PDB file of N, CA and C in Angstrom:
ATOM      1  N   MET A   1       0.869  -1.149  -0.047  1.00  0.00           N
ATOM      2  CA  MET A   1       0.041  -0.019   0.026  1.00  0.00           C
ATOM      3  C   MET A   1       0.783   1.239   0.044  1.00  0.00           C
ATOM      4  N   SER A   2       2.066   1.068   0.387  1.00  0.00           N
ATOM      5  CA  SER A   2       2.964   2.382   0.358  1.00  0.00           C
ATOM      6  C   SER A   2       3.200   2.855  -1.039  1.00  0.00           C
ATOM      7  N   TYR A   3       3.425   1.959  -1.992  1.00  0.00           N
ATOM      8  CA  TYR A   3       3.579   2.243  -3.375  1.00  0.00           C
ATOM      9  C   TYR A   3       2.332   3.005  -3.847  1.00  0.00           C
ATOM     10  N   GLU A   4       1.167   2.506  -3.487  1.00  0.00           N
ATOM     11  CA  GLU A   4      -0.094   3.173  -3.922  1.00  0.00           C
ATOM     12  C   GLU A   4      -0.274   4.545  -3.425  1.00  0.00           C
ATOM     13  N   PHE A   5       0.145   4.801  -2.144  1.00  0.00           N
ATOM     14  CA  PHE A   5       0.059   6.022  -1.565  1.00  0.00           C
ATOM     15  C   PHE A   5       0.993   7.028  -2.286  1.00  0.00           C
ATOM     16  N   VAL A   6       2.205   6.672  -2.581  1.00  0.00           N
ATOM     17  CA  VAL A   6       3.023   7.493  -3.297  1.00  0.00           C
ATOM     18  C   VAL A   6       2.530   7.770  -4.786  1.00  0.00           C
ATOM     19  N   ALA A   7       2.005   6.935  -5.334  1.00  0.00           N
ATOM     20  CA  ALA A   7       1.539   6.990  -6.729  1.00  0.00           C
ATOM     21  C   ALA A   7       0.360   8.036  -6.767  1.00  0.00           C
ATOM     22  N   CYS A   8      -0.586   7.885  -5.805  1.00  0.00           N
ATOM     23  CA  CYS A   8      -1.818   8.754  -5.883  1.00  0.00           C
ATOM     24  C   CYS A   8      -1.601  10.053  -5.225  1.00  0.00           C
ATOM     25  N   ARG A   9      -0.413  10.381  -4.658  1.00  0.00           N
ATOM     26  CA  ARG A   9      -0.334  11.743  -3.965  1.00  0.00           C
ATOM     27  C   ARG A   9       0.624  12.584  -4.843  1.00  0.00           C
ATOM     28  N   GLU A  10       0.722  12.367  -6.099  1.00  0.00           N
ATOM     29  CA  GLU A  10       1.677  13.233  -7.011  1.00  0.00           C
ATOM     30  C   GLU A  10       1.358  14.639  -6.840  1.00  0.00           C
ATOM     31  N   ALA A  11       0.142  15.135  -6.956  1.00  0.00           N
ATOM     32  CA  ALA A  11      -0.161  16.499  -6.903  1.00  0.00           C
ATOM     33  C   ALA A  11       0.028  17.191  -5.484  1.00  0.00           C
ATOM     34  N   LYS A  12      -0.298  16.392  -4.505  1.00  0.00           N
ATOM     35  CA  LYS A  12      -0.135  16.988  -3.131  1.00  0.00           C
ATOM     36  C   LYS A  12       1.102  16.710  -2.295  1.00  0.00           C
ATOM     37  N   LYS A  13       1.981  15.878  -3.016  1.00  0.00           N
ATOM     38  CA  LYS A  13       3.347  15.597  -2.377  1.00  0.00           C
ATOM     39  C   LYS A  13       3.299  15.099  -0.964  1.00  0.00           C
ATOM     40  N   GLY A  14       2.584  14.003  -0.747  1.00  0.00           N
ATOM     41  CA  GLY A  14       2.404  13.439   0.636  1.00  0.00           C
ATOM     42  C   GLY A  14       3.613  12.897   1.207  1.00  0.00           C
ATOM     43  N   VAL A  15       3.806  13.039   2.533  1.00  0.00           N
ATOM     44  CA  VAL A  15       4.875  12.442   3.229  1.00  0.00           C
ATOM     45  C   VAL A  15       4.564  11.070   3.620  1.00  0.00           C
ATOM     46  N   LEU A  16       5.439  10.092   3.304  1.00  0.00           N
ATOM     47  CA  LEU A  16       5.132   8.557   3.690  1.00  0.00           C
ATOM     48  C   LEU A  16       5.732   8.378   5.023  1.00  0.00           C
ATOM     49  N   ILE A  17       4.947   7.888   5.919  1.00  0.00           N
ATOM     50  CA  ILE A  17       5.388   7.410   7.235  1.00  0.00           C
ATOM     51  C   ILE A  17       5.228   5.911   7.175  1.00  0.00           C
ATOM     52  N   LEU A  18       6.268   5.169   7.324  1.00  0.00           N
ATOM     53  CA  LEU A  18       6.299   3.705   7.044  1.00  0.00           C
ATOM     54  C   LEU A  18       6.900   3.014   8.176  1.00  0.00           C
ATOM     55  N   SER A  19       6.342   1.824   8.446  1.00  0.00           N
ATOM     56  CA  SER A  19       6.897   0.883   9.417  1.00  0.00           C
ATOM     57  C   SER A  19       8.257   0.467   9.057  1.00  0.00           C
ATOM     58  N   LYS A  20       9.220   0.464  10.014  1.00  0.00           N
ATOM     59  CA  LYS A  20      10.539  -0.167   9.739  1.00  0.00           C
ATOM     60  C   LYS A  20      10.549  -1.520   9.343  1.00  0.00           C
ATOM     61  N   PHE A  21       9.543  -2.184   9.758  1.00  0.00           N
ATOM     62  CA  PHE A  21       9.336  -3.591   9.502  1.00  0.00           C
ATOM     63  C   PHE A  21       8.754  -4.013   8.128  1.00  0.00           C
ATOM     64  N   ALA A  22       8.079  -2.983   7.449  1.00  0.00           N
ATOM     65  CA  ALA A  22       7.537  -3.216   6.108  1.00  0.00           C
ATOM     66  C   ALA A  22       8.557  -3.516   5.044  1.00  0.00           C
ATOM     67  N   VAL A  23       8.121  -4.452   4.101  1.00  0.00           N
ATOM     68  CA  VAL A  23       9.106  -4.764   3.112  1.00  0.00           C
ATOM     69  C   VAL A  23       9.540  -3.514   2.257  1.00  0.00           C
ATOM     70  N   ALA A  24       8.520  -2.620   1.983  1.00  0.00           N
ATOM     71  CA  ALA A  24       8.731  -1.425   1.237  1.00  0.00           C
ATOM     72  C   ALA A  24       9.696  -0.461   1.924  1.00  0.00           C
ATOM     73  N   ALA A  25      10.022  -0.661   3.153  1.00  0.00           N
ATOM     74  CA  ALA A  25      11.080   0.169   3.830  1.00  0.00           C
ATOM     75  C   ALA A  25      12.401   0.083   3.233  1.00  0.00           C
ATOM     76  N   GLN A  26      12.757  -1.066   2.660  1.00  0.00           N
ATOM     77  CA  GLN A  26      13.950  -1.227   2.003  1.00  0.00           C
ATOM     78  C   GLN A  26      14.111  -0.424   0.833  1.00  0.00           C
ATOM     79  N   SER A  27      13.004  -0.216  -0.039  1.00  0.00           N
ATOM     80  CA  SER A  27      13.055   0.517  -1.168  1.00  0.00           C
ATOM     81  C   SER A  27      12.666   2.032  -1.035  1.00  0.00           C
ATOM     82  N   LEU A  28      11.729   2.355  -0.092  1.00  0.00           N
ATOM     83  CA  LEU A  28      11.275   3.725   0.063  1.00  0.00           C
ATOM     84  C   LEU A  28      11.754   4.349   1.323  1.00  0.00           C
ATOM     85  N   GLY A  29      12.507   3.530   2.026  1.00  0.00           N
ATOM     86  CA  GLY A  29      12.899   4.067   3.395  1.00  0.00           C
ATOM     87  C   GLY A  29      13.856   5.322   3.342  1.00  0.00           C
ATOM     88  N   THR A  30      14.632   5.548   2.344  1.00  0.00           N
ATOM     89  CA  THR A  30      15.546   6.547   2.385  1.00  0.00           C
ATOM     90  C   THR A  30      14.861   7.921   2.340  1.00  0.00           C
ATOM     91  N   GLU A  31      13.624   8.106   1.784  1.00  0.00           N
ATOM     92  CA  GLU A  31      12.946   9.344   1.883  1.00  0.00           C
ATOM     93  C   GLU A  31      11.607   9.177   2.603  1.00  0.00           C
ATOM     94  N   ALA A  32      11.240   8.093   3.155  1.00  0.00           N
ATOM     95  CA  ALA A  32      10.107   7.966   3.921  1.00  0.00           C
ATOM     96  C   ALA A  32      10.539   8.187   5.459  1.00  0.00           C
ATOM     97  N   ILE A  33       9.576   8.443   6.347  1.00  0.00           N
ATOM     98  CA  ILE A  33       9.808   8.608   7.718  1.00  0.00           C
ATOM     99  C   ILE A  33       9.520   7.161   8.287  1.00  0.00           C
ATOM    100  N   LEU A  34      10.653   6.480   8.675  1.00  0.00           N
ATOM    101  CA  LEU A  34      10.511   5.150   9.180  1.00  0.00           C
ATOM    102  C   LEU A  34      10.289   5.132  10.715  1.00  0.00           C
ATOM    103  N   VAL A  35       9.299   4.351  11.194  1.00  0.00           N
ATOM    104  CA  VAL A  35       8.860   4.315  12.520  1.00  0.00           C
ATOM    105  C   VAL A  35       8.773   2.900  13.029  1.00  0.00           C
ATOM    106  N   ASN A  36       8.909   2.678  14.365  1.00  0.00           N
ATOM    107  CA  ASN A  36       8.605   1.440  14.950  1.00  0.00           C
ATOM    108  C   ASN A  36       7.080   1.625  15.304  1.00  0.00           C
ATOM    109  N   PRO A  37       6.196   0.798  14.673  1.00  0.00           N
ATOM    110  CA  PRO A  37       4.760   0.892  14.903  1.00  0.00           C
ATOM    111  C   PRO A  37       4.242   0.592  16.284  1.00  0.00           C
ATOM    112  N   TRP A  38       5.194  -0.062  17.042  1.00  0.00           N
ATOM    113  CA  TRP A  38       4.819  -0.443  18.471  1.00  0.00           C
ATOM    114  C   TRP A  38       5.163   0.698  19.439  1.00  0.00           C
ATOM    115  N   SER A  39       5.855   1.755  18.976  1.00  0.00           N
ATOM    116  CA  SER A  39       6.074   2.792  19.890  1.00  0.00           C
ATOM    117  C   SER A  39       5.197   4.004  19.485  1.00  0.00           C
ATOM    118  N   ILE A  40       4.332   4.191  20.377  1.00  0.00           N
ATOM    119  CA  ILE A  40       3.233   5.336  20.275  1.00  0.00           C
ATOM    120  C   ILE A  40       3.952   6.604  20.222  1.00  0.00           C
ATOM    121  N   MET A  41       4.983   6.835  20.975  1.00  0.00           N
ATOM    122  CA  MET A  41       5.712   8.111  21.032  1.00  0.00           C
ATOM    123  C   MET A  41       6.483   8.357  19.730  1.00  0.00           C
ATOM    124  N   GLU A  42       7.043   7.342  19.132  1.00  0.00           N
ATOM    125  CA  GLU A  42       7.813   7.422  17.896  1.00  0.00           C
ATOM    126  C   GLU A  42       6.798   7.788  16.891  1.00  0.00           C
ATOM    127  N   VAL A  43       5.747   7.083  16.726  1.00  0.00           N
ATOM    128  CA  VAL A  43       4.699   7.382  15.757  1.00  0.00           C
ATOM    129  C   VAL A  43       4.158   8.767  15.788  1.00  0.00           C
ATOM    130  N   ALA A  44       3.887   9.167  16.992  1.00  0.00           N
ATOM    131  CA  ALA A  44       3.390  10.669  17.175  1.00  0.00           C
ATOM    132  C   ALA A  44       4.358  11.651  16.818  1.00  0.00           C
ATOM    133  N   ALA A  45       5.715  11.337  17.112  1.00  0.00           N
ATOM    134  CA  ALA A  45       6.787  12.289  16.770  1.00  0.00           C
ATOM    135  C   ALA A  45       6.927  12.276  15.198  1.00  0.00           C
ATOM    136  N   SER A  46       6.750  11.170  14.588  1.00  0.00           N
ATOM    137  CA  SER A  46       6.895  11.062  13.166  1.00  0.00           C
ATOM    138  C   SER A  46       5.717  11.884  12.461  1.00  0.00           C
ATOM    139  N   ILE A  47       4.561  11.790  13.024  1.00  0.00           N
ATOM    140  CA  ILE A  47       3.414  12.596  12.430  1.00  0.00           C
ATOM    141  C   ILE A  47       3.727  14.036  12.576  1.00  0.00           C
ATOM    142  N   GLU A  48       4.171  14.513  13.791  1.00  0.00           N
ATOM    143  CA  GLU A  48       4.520  15.876  13.978  1.00  0.00           C
ATOM    144  C   GLU A  48       5.567  16.343  12.963  1.00  0.00           C
ATOM    145  N   GLN A  49       6.600  15.485  12.760  1.00  0.00           N
ATOM    146  CA  GLN A  49       7.735  15.828  11.894  1.00  0.00           C
ATOM    147  C   GLN A  49       7.134  15.981  10.458  1.00  0.00           C
ATOM    148  N   ALA A  50       6.165  15.149   9.958  1.00  0.00           N
ATOM    149  CA  ALA A  50       5.658  15.181   8.818  1.00  0.00           C
ATOM    150  C   ALA A  50       4.831  16.494   8.560  1.00  0.00           C
ATOM    151  N   LEU A  51       4.088  16.770   9.560  1.00  0.00           N
ATOM    152  CA  LEU A  51       3.112  17.997   9.444  1.00  0.00           C
ATOM    153  C   LEU A  51       4.028  19.310   9.492  1.00  0.00           C
ATOM    154  N   LYS A  52       5.255  19.266  10.072  1.00  0.00           N
ATOM    155  CA  LYS A  52       5.951  20.575  10.212  1.00  0.00           C
ATOM    156  C   LYS A  52       7.000  20.614   9.101  1.00  0.00           C
ATOM    157  N   MET A  53       7.063  19.567   8.290  1.00  0.00           N
ATOM    158  CA  MET A  53       8.126  19.486   7.194  1.00  0.00           C
ATOM    159  C   MET A  53       7.870  20.607   6.239  1.00  0.00           C
ATOM    160  N   SER A  54       8.895  21.266   5.743  1.00  0.00           N
ATOM    161  CA  SER A  54       8.776  22.383   4.692  1.00  0.00           C
ATOM    162  C   SER A  54       8.290  21.622   3.395  1.00  0.00           C
ATOM    163  N   SER A  55       7.585  22.513   2.690  1.00  0.00           N
ATOM    164  CA  SER A  55       7.026  22.106   1.365  1.00  0.00           C
ATOM    165  C   SER A  55       8.274  21.635   0.440  1.00  0.00           C
ATOM    166  N   GLU A  56       9.395  22.280   0.520  1.00  0.00           N
ATOM    167  CA  GLU A  56      10.514  21.790  -0.253  1.00  0.00           C
ATOM    168  C   GLU A  56      11.061  20.443   0.005  1.00  0.00           C
ATOM    169  N   GLU A  57      11.059  20.213   1.377  1.00  0.00           N
ATOM    170  CA  GLU A  57      11.594  18.852   1.849  1.00  0.00           C
ATOM    171  C   GLU A  57      10.502  17.844   1.446  1.00  0.00           C
ATOM    172  N   ARG A  58       9.284  18.091   1.662  1.00  0.00           N
ATOM    173  CA  ARG A  58       8.197  17.237   1.288  1.00  0.00           C
ATOM    174  C   ARG A  58       8.213  16.877  -0.171  1.00  0.00           C
ATOM    175  N   GLU A  59       8.436  17.940  -1.021  1.00  0.00           N
ATOM    176  CA  GLU A  59       8.432  17.630  -2.451  1.00  0.00           C
ATOM    177  C   GLU A  59       9.704  16.799  -2.875  1.00  0.00           C
ATOM    178  N   LYS A  60      10.823  17.088  -2.219  1.00  0.00           N
ATOM    179  CA  LYS A  60      12.069  16.310  -2.513  1.00  0.00           C
ATOM    180  C   LYS A  60      11.871  14.867  -2.191  1.00  0.00           C
ATOM    181  N   ARG A  61      11.383  14.544  -1.074  1.00  0.00           N
ATOM    182  CA  ARG A  61      11.166  13.230  -0.602  1.00  0.00           C
ATOM    183  C   ARG A  61      10.170  12.521  -1.518  1.00  0.00           C
ATOM    184  N   HIS A  62       9.094  13.219  -1.873  1.00  0.00           N
ATOM    185  CA  HIS A  62       8.094  12.595  -2.669  1.00  0.00           C
ATOM    186  C   HIS A  62       8.624  12.386  -4.059  1.00  0.00           C
ATOM    187  N   ARG A  63       9.392  13.275  -4.670  1.00  0.00           N
ATOM    188  CA  ARG A  63       9.793  13.243  -5.958  1.00  0.00           C
ATOM    189  C   ARG A  63      10.716  11.829  -6.091  1.00  0.00           C
ATOM    190  N   HIS A  64      11.584  11.702  -5.023  1.00  0.00           N
ATOM    191  CA  HIS A  64      12.488  10.475  -5.058  1.00  0.00           C
ATOM    192  C   HIS A  64      11.641   9.200  -5.033  1.00  0.00           C
ATOM    193  N   ASN A  65      10.594   9.210  -4.102  1.00  0.00           N
ATOM    194  CA  ASN A  65       9.706   7.998  -4.042  1.00  0.00           C
ATOM    195  C   ASN A  65       8.919   7.738  -5.329  1.00  0.00           C
ATOM    196  N   PHE A  66       8.379   8.840  -5.773  1.00  0.00           N
ATOM    197  CA  PHE A  66       7.521   8.790  -6.920  1.00  0.00           C
ATOM    198  C   PHE A  66       8.381   8.164  -8.140  1.00  0.00           C
ATOM    199  N   HIS A  67       9.676   8.716  -8.237  1.00  0.00           N
ATOM    200  CA  HIS A  67      10.463   8.097  -9.305  1.00  0.00           C
ATOM    201  C   HIS A  67      10.710   6.593  -9.059  1.00  0.00           C
ATOM    202  N   HIS A  68      11.018   6.246  -7.819  1.00  0.00           N
ATOM    203  CA  HIS A  68      11.320   4.808  -7.565  1.00  0.00           C
ATOM    204  C   HIS A  68       9.978   3.978  -7.844  1.00  0.00           C
ATOM    205  N   VAL A  69       8.887   4.401  -7.383  1.00  0.00           N
ATOM    206  CA  VAL A  69       7.560   3.636  -7.705  1.00  0.00           C
ATOM    207  C   VAL A  69       7.418   3.522  -9.256  1.00  0.00           C
ATOM    208  N   GLY A  70       7.512   4.709  -9.906  1.00  0.00           N
ATOM    209  CA  GLY A  70       7.336   4.704 -11.340  1.00  0.00           C
ATOM    210  C   GLY A  70       8.296   3.839 -12.201  1.00  0.00           C
ATOM    211  N   THR A  71       9.441   3.509 -11.675  1.00  0.00           N
ATOM    212  CA  THR A  71      10.344   2.690 -12.312  1.00  0.00           C
ATOM    213  C   THR A  71      10.392   1.255 -11.867  1.00  0.00           C
ATOM    214  N   HIS A  72       9.578   0.891 -10.808  1.00  0.00           N
ATOM    215  CA  HIS A  72       9.509  -0.390 -10.221  1.00  0.00           C
ATOM    216  C   HIS A  72       8.176  -1.049 -10.251  1.00  0.00           C
ATOM    217  N   ILE A  73       7.249  -0.484 -11.143  1.00  0.00           N
ATOM    218  CA  ILE A  73       5.974  -1.205 -11.346  1.00  0.00           C
ATOM    219  C   ILE A  73       5.788  -1.639 -12.776  1.00  0.00           C
ATOM    220  N   ALA A  74       4.840  -2.461 -13.048  1.00  0.00           N
ATOM    221  CA  ALA A  74       4.595  -2.867 -14.387  1.00  0.00           C
ATOM    222  C   ALA A  74       4.155  -1.802 -15.349  1.00  0.00           C
ATOM    223  N   GLN A  75       3.247  -0.966 -14.786  1.00  0.00           N
ATOM    224  CA  GLN A  75       2.671   0.122 -15.625  1.00  0.00           C
ATOM    225  C   GLN A  75       3.426   1.346 -15.493  1.00  0.00           C
ATOM    226  N   LYS A  76       3.566   2.197 -16.644  1.00  0.00           N
ATOM    227  CA  LYS A  76       4.187   3.390 -16.713  1.00  0.00           C
ATOM    228  C   LYS A  76       3.395   4.434 -16.010  1.00  0.00           C
ATOM    229  N   MET A  77       3.989   5.227 -15.168  1.00  0.00           N
ATOM    230  CA  MET A  77       3.309   6.289 -14.392  1.00  0.00           C
ATOM    231  C   MET A  77       3.596   7.601 -14.953  1.00  0.00           C
ATOM    232  N   GLY A  78       2.665   8.616 -14.807  1.00  0.00           N
ATOM    233  CA  GLY A  78       2.794  10.012 -14.955  1.00  0.00           C
ATOM    234  C   GLY A  78       3.495  10.683 -16.051  1.00  0.00           C
TER     235      GLY A  78
END
């Protein structure tokens, strides 16, 4: 589902918060915010980080992930 989130958030440049334990963390983890989902404090801090992130940083992260998703799926995107 993380790939789908990235693919459908192209216009709004969404920030991906992803479990450290998710398989996609290996491919999207460099520009996603990785969290331990069992740590409520870590999840809350990650949400705060995403909400306070500058639009430039959000766009940079999203562009990287969107490119990765676009080059690693069967259908051509965007």
